[in-house]
Each structure stands twice: as structure tokens, then as C-alpha cells.
Amino acid sequence: MKKLFPTHHVMGYVFSLILSVVAVAVVFWDLSMAVGMTILVIAAVIQMSLQLFLFMHIGENGSKTALYTNIVYALFVGLVTVFGTLFTMIWGYQ
């Protein structure tokens, strides 16, 4: 029998909020650059995994080719978004 309440999605959303609060807290805490970046990278990797597996349903298809294609595509979209935003912010004001 299928559940009507999406427990995993709600837990994933709450965990995403907690990871976002951790990232914002790193900015406000007086940490060294190495410690702050370590915490941010770990939180970012966990956040990425959470998004890919819970909300983009990466692991539901049995095909390894589809799995790797989806991961590469997700990384491509993320990198284009980040570097496109940086490009616009840096070169847009000159």
C-alpha cells in the first residue's frame, strides 16, 4: 500500500533547511578560512546529494547510464548557473 504523506520529502526539506542554516551560521561565526570552507564544502556536498536522491529521484532508475547522464547534466546545470551568475555580476558592472 502506498503512503499518502511524503515523509521522505518532508524530512529532506527539513534537512535542507538545517544545512542552509549551517551555511548561514558559518558566515556569522568568526571562523578561520580553512575551517569555514571545510564546513561549507561538507554541507554543500550533503545538500547536493540530498537534492539529487530525494527530489530529483536519481537512484530510482536501474540503468547506470541514465544515472551518470543525470548526474553529469545536474552538475552542468549547476556550474552554468554559478559561473553564469558570477560572469554577469563581474562583467555586468564594468
Protein backbone atom coordinates (compact mmCIF):
# COMPACT_ATOMS: atom_id res chain seq x y z
CA MET A 1 0.00 0.00 0.00
CA LYS A 2 1.33 3.40 -0.94
CA LYS A 3 1.61 6.12 1.68
CA LEU A 4 -0.26 9.34 1.08
CA PHE A 5 2.03 11.53 3.19
CA PRO A 6 5.51 12.10 1.66
CA THR A 7 7.55 11.51 4.81
CA HIS A 8 10.90 11.30 2.99
CA HIS A 9 10.28 14.54 1.14
CA VAL A 10 9.35 16.40 4.32
CA MET A 11 12.41 15.04 6.12
CA GLY A 12 14.58 16.02 3.13
CA TYR A 13 13.11 19.53 3.15
CA VAL A 14 13.75 19.95 6.88
CA PHE A 15 17.30 18.63 6.48
CA SER A 16 17.85 21.06 3.58
CA LEU A 17 16.72 23.91 5.82
CA ILE A 18 19.10 22.78 8.56
CA LEU A 19 22.01 22.65 6.10
CA SER A 20 21.11 26.14 4.86
CA VAL A 21 21.11 27.44 8.44
CA VAL A 22 24.54 25.82 8.95
CA ALA A 23 25.86 27.62 5.86
CA VAL A 24 24.49 30.98 7.03
CA ALA A 25 25.86 30.37 10.54
CA VAL A 26 29.35 29.83 9.11
CA VAL A 27 29.18 33.34 7.68
CA PHE A 28 28.25 34.87 11.03
CA TRP A 29 30.67 32.85 13.17
CA ASP A 30 34.23 34.08 13.46
CA LEU A 31 35.97 31.04 11.97
CA SER A 32 39.26 30.72 10.18
CA MET A 33 39.08 30.48 6.40
CA ALA A 34 40.09 26.79 6.37
CA VAL A 35 37.51 25.72 8.96
CA GLY A 36 34.74 27.78 7.38
CA MET A 37 35.42 26.45 3.90
CA THR A 38 35.61 22.88 5.18
CA ILE A 39 32.20 23.18 6.84
CA LEU A 40 30.72 24.84 3.74
CA VAL A 41 32.09 22.20 1.35
CA ILE A 42 30.82 19.35 3.53
CA ALA A 43 27.39 21.00 3.84
CA ALA A 44 27.30 21.63 0.08
CA VAL A 45 28.12 18.00 -0.78
CA ILE A 46 25.46 16.73 1.63
CA GLN A 47 22.96 19.24 0.23
CA MET A 48 23.77 18.20 -3.35
CA SER A 49 23.34 14.52 -2.52
CA LEU A 50 20.09 15.21 -0.72
CA GLN A 51 18.70 17.16 -3.67
CA LEU A 52 19.81 14.59 -6.24
CA PHE A 53 18.50 11.49 -4.49
CA LEU A 54 15.36 12.77 -2.76
CA PHE A 55 13.99 15.46 -5.04
CA MET A 56 15.47 14.63 -8.47
CA HIS A 57 14.96 10.86 -7.95
CA ILE A 58 18.41 9.95 -9.26
CA GLY A 59 18.53 6.46 -7.75
CA GLU A 60 15.08 5.27 -8.86
CA ASN A 61 16.09 4.16 -12.36
CA GLY A 62 18.00 0.88 -12.54
CA SER A 63 20.13 1.97 -15.52
CA LYS A 64 23.69 3.06 -14.70
CA THR A 65 23.89 5.03 -17.95
CA ALA A 66 20.82 7.07 -17.03
CA LEU A 67 22.19 7.62 -13.54
CA TYR A 68 25.52 9.00 -14.74
CA THR A 69 23.87 11.05 -17.50
CA ASN A 70 21.53 12.66 -14.97
CA ILE A 71 24.37 13.42 -12.57
CA VAL A 72 26.51 14.96 -15.34
CA TYR A 73 23.54 17.01 -16.53
CA ALA A 74 22.79 18.21 -12.98
CA LEU A 75 26.44 19.22 -12.50
CA PHE A 76 26.40 21.02 -15.85
CA VAL A 77 23.27 22.99 -14.97
CA GLY A 78 24.68 23.86 -11.54
CA LEU A 79 28.03 25.00 -12.93
CA VAL A 80 26.40 27.06 -15.69
CA THR A 81 24.16 28.71 -13.10
CA VAL A 82 27.02 29.53 -10.71
CA PHE A 83 29.56 30.68 -13.30
CA GLY A 84 26.92 32.45 -15.39
CA THR A 85 25.85 34.40 -12.32
CA LEU A 86 29.46 35.26 -11.47
CA PHE A 87 30.14 36.28 -15.08
CA THR A 88 27.09 38.53 -15.09
CA MET A 89 27.98 40.07 -11.72
CA ILE A 90 31.64 40.68 -12.57
CA TRP A 91 31.38 41.78 -16.19
CA GLY A 92 27.99 43.48 -15.91
CA TYR A 93 29.33 46.33 -13.77
CA GLN A 94 32.32 47.23 -15.94
